[in-house]
């Protein structure tokens, strides 16, 4: 699986809601702050030329805990099945994952309200190594951490 990270910079807009810092982890709060300066987008290339599109603020902030949990489970050799439901702003798709001895079986499945971009991707399963699964998400979080440091002058530790 290949990852693609794109950033569209903008002049600072709006103010951040100071009350949300009680509800979010430091990483999530920094993403909310970053939202004023940049509009990053992330893609994960699956089989062939199919790329799943993620809106950083809607998808990654909303699914932060589930993504982190999945990576920690893979790192700790947990065995079992779970899913991450990307449900914000017309995303409506799932990553079902099963952690096995030799790797991770990952299934992309559209929900009934999937957006136009991801709606073009057929439901599919693929088997990847545990290292590859971890690297995909670590790449995203490292890119975001670098962007946070550049734009906000904050050093935020990776969540895993």
C-alpha atoms as a PDB file:
ATOM      1  CA  UNK A   1       0.000   0.000   0.000  1.00  0.00           C
ATOM      2  CA  UNK A   2       1.267   3.412  -0.905  1.00  0.00           C
ATOM      3  CA  UNK A   3       0.461   6.651   0.913  1.00  0.00           C
ATOM      4  CA  UNK A   4       0.073  10.119  -0.553  1.00  0.00           C
ATOM      5  CA  UNK A   5      -0.041  13.270   1.571  1.00  0.00           C
ATOM      6  CA  UNK A   6      -1.008  16.615   0.039  1.00  0.00           C
ATOM      7  CA  UNK A   7      -1.256  20.002   1.737  1.00  0.00           C
ATOM      8  CA  UNK A   8      -3.099  23.085   0.556  1.00  0.00           C
ATOM      9  CA  UNK A   9      -1.998  26.092   2.599  1.00  0.00           C
ATOM     10  CA  UNK A  10      -4.296  28.997   3.360  1.00  0.00           C
ATOM     11  CA  UNK A  11      -4.218  32.296   5.225  1.00  0.00           C
ATOM     12  CA  UNK A  12      -5.344  31.793   8.836  1.00  0.00           C
ATOM     13  CA  UNK A  13      -9.116  31.704   9.091  1.00  0.00           C
ATOM     14  CA  UNK A  14     -11.447  31.674  12.083  1.00  0.00           C
ATOM     15  CA  UNK A  15     -10.644  30.970  15.687  1.00  0.00           C
ATOM     16  CA  UNK A  16     -10.403  27.678  17.483  1.00  0.00           C
ATOM     17  CA  UNK A  17     -12.983  26.859  20.149  1.00  0.00           C
ATOM     18  CA  UNK A  18     -11.008  26.901  23.403  1.00  0.00           C
ATOM     19  CA  UNK A  19     -13.513  24.621  25.128  1.00  0.00           C
ATOM     20  CA  UNK A  20     -12.800  21.662  22.867  1.00  0.00           C
ATOM     21  CA  UNK A  21      -9.366  21.095  24.401  1.00  0.00           C
ATOM     22  CA  UNK A  22     -11.118  19.297  27.271  1.00  0.00           C
ATOM     23  CA  UNK A  23     -12.602  16.779  24.835  1.00  0.00           C
ATOM     24  CA  UNK A  24      -9.608  16.046  22.614  1.00  0.00           C
ATOM     25  CA  UNK A  25      -6.166  14.517  22.950  1.00  0.00           C
ATOM     26  CA  UNK A  26      -3.229  16.916  22.416  1.00  0.00           C
ATOM     27  CA  UNK A  27      -2.806  15.519  18.892  1.00  0.00           C
ATOM     28  CA  UNK A  28      -6.468  16.029  18.001  1.00  0.00           C
ATOM     29  CA  UNK A  29      -6.442  19.542  19.447  1.00  0.00           C
ATOM     30  CA  UNK A  30      -3.341  20.406  17.406  1.00  0.00           C
ATOM     31  CA  UNK A  31      -5.176  19.175  14.296  1.00  0.00           C
ATOM     32  CA  UNK A  32      -8.027  21.544  15.104  1.00  0.00           C
ATOM     33  CA  UNK A  33      -5.519  24.398  15.462  1.00  0.00           C
ATOM     34  CA  UNK A  34      -3.811  23.391  12.216  1.00  0.00           C
ATOM     35  CA  UNK A  35      -7.143  23.564  10.433  1.00  0.00           C
ATOM     36  CA  UNK A  36      -6.836  27.369  10.392  1.00  0.00           C
ATOM     37  CA  UNK A  37      -3.640  27.227   8.286  1.00  0.00           C
ATOM     38  CA  UNK A  38      -3.799  24.195   6.032  1.00  0.00           C
ATOM     39  CA  UNK A  39      -6.121  21.716   4.393  1.00  0.00           C
ATOM     40  CA  UNK A  40      -4.195  18.425   4.233  1.00  0.00           C
ATOM     41  CA  UNK A  41      -5.545  15.387   2.415  1.00  0.00           C
ATOM     42  CA  UNK A  42      -4.351  11.818   2.659  1.00  0.00           C
ATOM     43  CA  UNK A  43      -4.693   8.887   0.286  1.00  0.00           C
ATOM     44  CA  UNK A  44      -4.008   5.207   0.772  1.00  0.00           C
ATOM     45  CA  UNK A  45      -3.474   3.311  -2.446  1.00  0.00           C
ATOM     46  CA  UNK A  46      -5.083  -0.119  -2.335  1.00  0.00           C
ATOM     47  CA  UNK A  47      -5.059  -2.646  -5.187  1.00  0.00           C
ATOM     48  CA  UNK A  48      -4.392  -1.367  -8.676  1.00  0.00           C
ATOM     49  CA  UNK A  49      -4.974   2.349  -9.030  1.00  0.00           C
ATOM     50  CA  UNK A  50      -7.648   2.580  -6.335  1.00  0.00           C
ATOM     51  CA  UNK A  51      -6.880   5.280  -3.775  1.00  0.00           C
ATOM     52  CA  UNK A  52      -8.983   5.847  -0.665  1.00  0.00           C
ATOM     53  CA  UNK A  53      -9.317   9.550   0.095  1.00  0.00           C
ATOM     54  CA  UNK A  54      -9.300  10.841   3.689  1.00  0.00           C
ATOM     55  CA  UNK A  55     -10.223  14.304   4.859  1.00  0.00           C
ATOM     56  CA  UNK A  56      -7.815  14.928   7.699  1.00  0.00           C
ATOM     57  CA  UNK A  57     -10.175  16.912   9.879  1.00  0.00           C
ATOM     58  CA  UNK A  58     -13.344  14.959   9.335  1.00  0.00           C
ATOM     59  CA  UNK A  59     -12.016  11.426   8.951  1.00  0.00           C
ATOM     60  CA  UNK A  60      -8.807  11.334  10.962  1.00  0.00           C
ATOM     61  CA  UNK A  61      -9.972  13.488  13.883  1.00  0.00           C
ATOM     62  CA  UNK A  62     -13.261  11.587  14.181  1.00  0.00           C
ATOM     63  CA  UNK A  63     -11.624   8.147  13.904  1.00  0.00           C
ATOM     64  CA  UNK A  64      -8.442   9.005  15.781  1.00  0.00           C
ATOM     65  CA  UNK A  65      -9.030   6.609  18.704  1.00  0.00           C
ATOM     66  CA  UNK A  66      -9.970   3.702  16.426  1.00  0.00           C
ATOM     67  CA  UNK A  67      -6.922   4.220  14.195  1.00  0.00           C
ATOM     68  CA  UNK A  68      -4.567   4.437  17.175  1.00  0.00           C
ATOM     69  CA  UNK A  69      -6.179   1.363  18.762  1.00  0.00           C
ATOM     70  CA  UNK A  70      -5.736  -0.642  15.553  1.00  0.00           C
ATOM     71  CA  UNK A  71      -2.051   0.278  15.238  1.00  0.00           C
ATOM     72  CA  UNK A  72      -1.369  -0.565  18.884  1.00  0.00           C
ATOM     73  CA  UNK A  73      -3.134  -3.892  18.442  1.00  0.00           C
ATOM     74  CA  UNK A  74      -0.993  -4.771  15.428  1.00  0.00           C
ATOM     75  CA  UNK A  75       2.186  -3.736  17.262  1.00  0.00           C
ATOM     76  CA  UNK A  76       1.189  -5.863  20.270  1.00  0.00           C
ATOM     77  CA  UNK A  77       0.335  -8.912  18.122  1.00  0.00           C
ATOM     78  CA  UNK A  78      -3.270  -8.869  19.244  1.00  0.00           C
ATOM     79  CA  UNK A  79      -5.304 -11.447  17.344  1.00  0.00           C
ATOM     80  CA  UNK A  80      -8.836 -10.633  16.322  1.00  0.00           C
ATOM     81  CA  UNK A  81     -11.192  -8.596  14.165  1.00  0.00           C
ATOM     82  CA  UNK A  82     -12.461  -5.037  14.382  1.00  0.00           C
ATOM     83  CA  UNK A  83     -13.304  -2.127  12.129  1.00  0.00           C
ATOM     84  CA  UNK A  84     -12.817   1.574  11.623  1.00  0.00           C
ATOM     85  CA  UNK A  85     -15.877   3.388  10.304  1.00  0.00           C
ATOM     86  CA  UNK A  86     -15.080   6.614   8.506  1.00  0.00           C
ATOM     87  CA  UNK A  87     -18.461   8.279   8.774  1.00  0.00           C
ATOM     88  CA  UNK A  88     -17.985  12.034   8.548  1.00  0.00           C
ATOM     89  CA  UNK A  89     -18.998  14.392   5.719  1.00  0.00           C
ATOM     90  CA  UNK A  90     -20.086  11.815   3.191  1.00  0.00           C
ATOM     91  CA  UNK A  91     -17.195   9.442   3.739  1.00  0.00           C
ATOM     92  CA  UNK A  92     -19.225   6.445   4.963  1.00  0.00           C
ATOM     93  CA  UNK A  93     -16.783   3.621   4.370  1.00  0.00           C
ATOM     94  CA  UNK A  94     -15.228   0.957   6.551  1.00  0.00           C
ATOM     95  CA  UNK A  95     -11.840  -0.585   7.023  1.00  0.00           C
ATOM     96  CA  UNK A  96     -12.508  -4.018   8.480  1.00  0.00           C
ATOM     97  CA  UNK A  97      -9.302  -5.542   9.728  1.00  0.00           C
ATOM     98  CA  UNK A  98      -8.309  -8.939  11.027  1.00  0.00           C
ATOM     99  CA  UNK A  99      -4.930  -9.303  12.662  1.00  0.00           C
ATOM    100  CA  UNK A 100      -3.418 -12.706  11.950  1.00  0.00           C
ATOM    101  CA  UNK A 101      -0.049 -14.331  12.627  1.00  0.00           C
ATOM    102  CA  UNK A 102       1.462 -13.356   9.279  1.00  0.00           C
ATOM    103  CA  UNK A 103      -0.197  -9.994   8.693  1.00  0.00           C
ATOM    104  CA  UNK A 104      -3.389  -7.998   8.489  1.00  0.00           C
ATOM    105  CA  UNK A 105      -6.363  -8.795   6.303  1.00  0.00           C
ATOM    106  CA  UNK A 106      -7.847  -5.423   5.408  1.00  0.00           C
ATOM    107  CA  UNK A 107     -11.231  -4.992   3.777  1.00  0.00           C
ATOM    108  CA  UNK A 108     -12.462  -1.750   2.255  1.00  0.00           C
ATOM    109  CA  UNK A 109     -16.260  -1.640   2.205  1.00  0.00           C
ATOM    110  CA  UNK A 110     -18.523   1.219   1.158  1.00  0.00           C
ATOM    111  CA  UNK A 111     -21.491   2.296   3.224  1.00  0.00           C
ATOM    112  CA  UNK A 112     -24.785   3.416   1.641  1.00  0.00           C
ATOM    113  CA  UNK A 113     -23.879   7.121   1.913  1.00  0.00           C
ATOM    114  CA  UNK A 114     -20.308   6.952   0.630  1.00  0.00           C
ATOM    115  CA  UNK A 115     -19.059  10.083  -1.126  1.00  0.00           C
ATOM    116  CA  UNK A 116     -18.429  10.400  -4.848  1.00  0.00           C
ATOM    117  CA  UNK A 117     -14.633   9.920  -4.761  1.00  0.00           C
ATOM    118  CA  UNK A 118     -14.519   6.823  -2.546  1.00  0.00           C
ATOM    119  CA  UNK A 119     -17.767   5.553  -4.059  1.00  0.00           C
ATOM    120  CA  UNK A 120     -15.878   4.730  -7.259  1.00  0.00           C
ATOM    121  CA  UNK A 121     -13.726   2.207  -5.395  1.00  0.00           C
ATOM    122  CA  UNK A 122     -15.105  -1.347  -5.405  1.00  0.00           C
ATOM    123  CA  UNK A 123     -15.320  -3.216  -2.129  1.00  0.00           C
ATOM    124  CA  UNK A 124     -12.131  -5.238  -1.800  1.00  0.00           C
ATOM    125  CA  UNK A 125      -9.911  -7.248   0.519  1.00  0.00           C
ATOM    126  CA  UNK A 126      -6.159  -7.316   0.653  1.00  0.00           C
ATOM    127  CA  UNK A 127      -3.581  -8.965   2.851  1.00  0.00           C
ATOM    128  CA  UNK A 128      -0.621  -6.890   3.998  1.00  0.00           C
ATOM    129  CA  UNK A 129       2.220  -7.367   6.438  1.00  0.00           C
ATOM    130  CA  UNK A 130       1.899  -6.014   9.952  1.00  0.00           C
ATOM    131  CA  UNK A 131       4.834  -3.717   9.285  1.00  0.00           C
ATOM    132  CA  UNK A 132       3.133  -2.257   6.215  1.00  0.00           C
ATOM    133  CA  UNK A 133      -0.095  -1.611   8.146  1.00  0.00           C
ATOM    134  CA  UNK A 134       1.820   0.195  10.883  1.00  0.00           C
ATOM    135  CA  UNK A 135       3.882   2.190   8.378  1.00  0.00           C
ATOM    136  CA  UNK A 136       0.801   3.472   6.536  1.00  0.00           C
ATOM    137  CA  UNK A 137      -0.643   5.065   9.667  1.00  0.00           C
ATOM    138  CA  UNK A 138       2.744   6.132  11.053  1.00  0.00           C
ATOM    139  CA  UNK A 139       3.434   7.943   7.770  1.00  0.00           C
ATOM    140  CA  UNK A 140       0.233   9.927   8.142  1.00  0.00           C
ATOM    141  CA  UNK A 141       0.832  10.827  11.771  1.00  0.00           C
ATOM    142  CA  UNK A 142       4.483  11.759  11.148  1.00  0.00           C
ATOM    143  CA  UNK A 143       3.459  14.031   8.259  1.00  0.00           C
ATOM    144  CA  UNK A 144       0.823  15.673  10.430  1.00  0.00           C
ATOM    145  CA  UNK A 145       3.253  16.025  13.329  1.00  0.00           C
ATOM    146  CA  UNK A 146       5.775  17.753  11.042  1.00  0.00           C
ATOM    147  CA  UNK A 147       3.083  20.079   9.720  1.00  0.00           C
ATOM    148  CA  UNK A 148       1.972  20.903  13.276  1.00  0.00           C
ATOM    149  CA  UNK A 149       5.546  21.703  14.231  1.00  0.00           C
ATOM    150  CA  UNK A 150       6.066  23.905  11.142  1.00  0.00           C
ATOM    151  CA  UNK A 151       2.800  25.854  11.336  1.00  0.00           C
ATOM    152  CA  UNK A 152       2.103  25.922  15.092  1.00  0.00           C
ATOM    153  CA  UNK A 153       5.613  25.610  16.555  1.00  0.00           C
ATOM    154  CA  UNK A 154       4.382  22.709  18.692  1.00  0.00           C
ATOM    155  CA  UNK A 155       6.036  19.362  19.185  1.00  0.00           C
ATOM    156  CA  UNK A 156       3.358  16.688  19.497  1.00  0.00           C
ATOM    157  CA  UNK A 157       4.323  13.103  20.263  1.00  0.00           C
ATOM    158  CA  UNK A 158       3.016  10.375  18.025  1.00  0.00           C
ATOM    159  CA  UNK A 159       0.178   8.449  19.673  1.00  0.00           C
ATOM    160  CA  UNK A 160       1.836   5.047  19.207  1.00  0.00           C
END
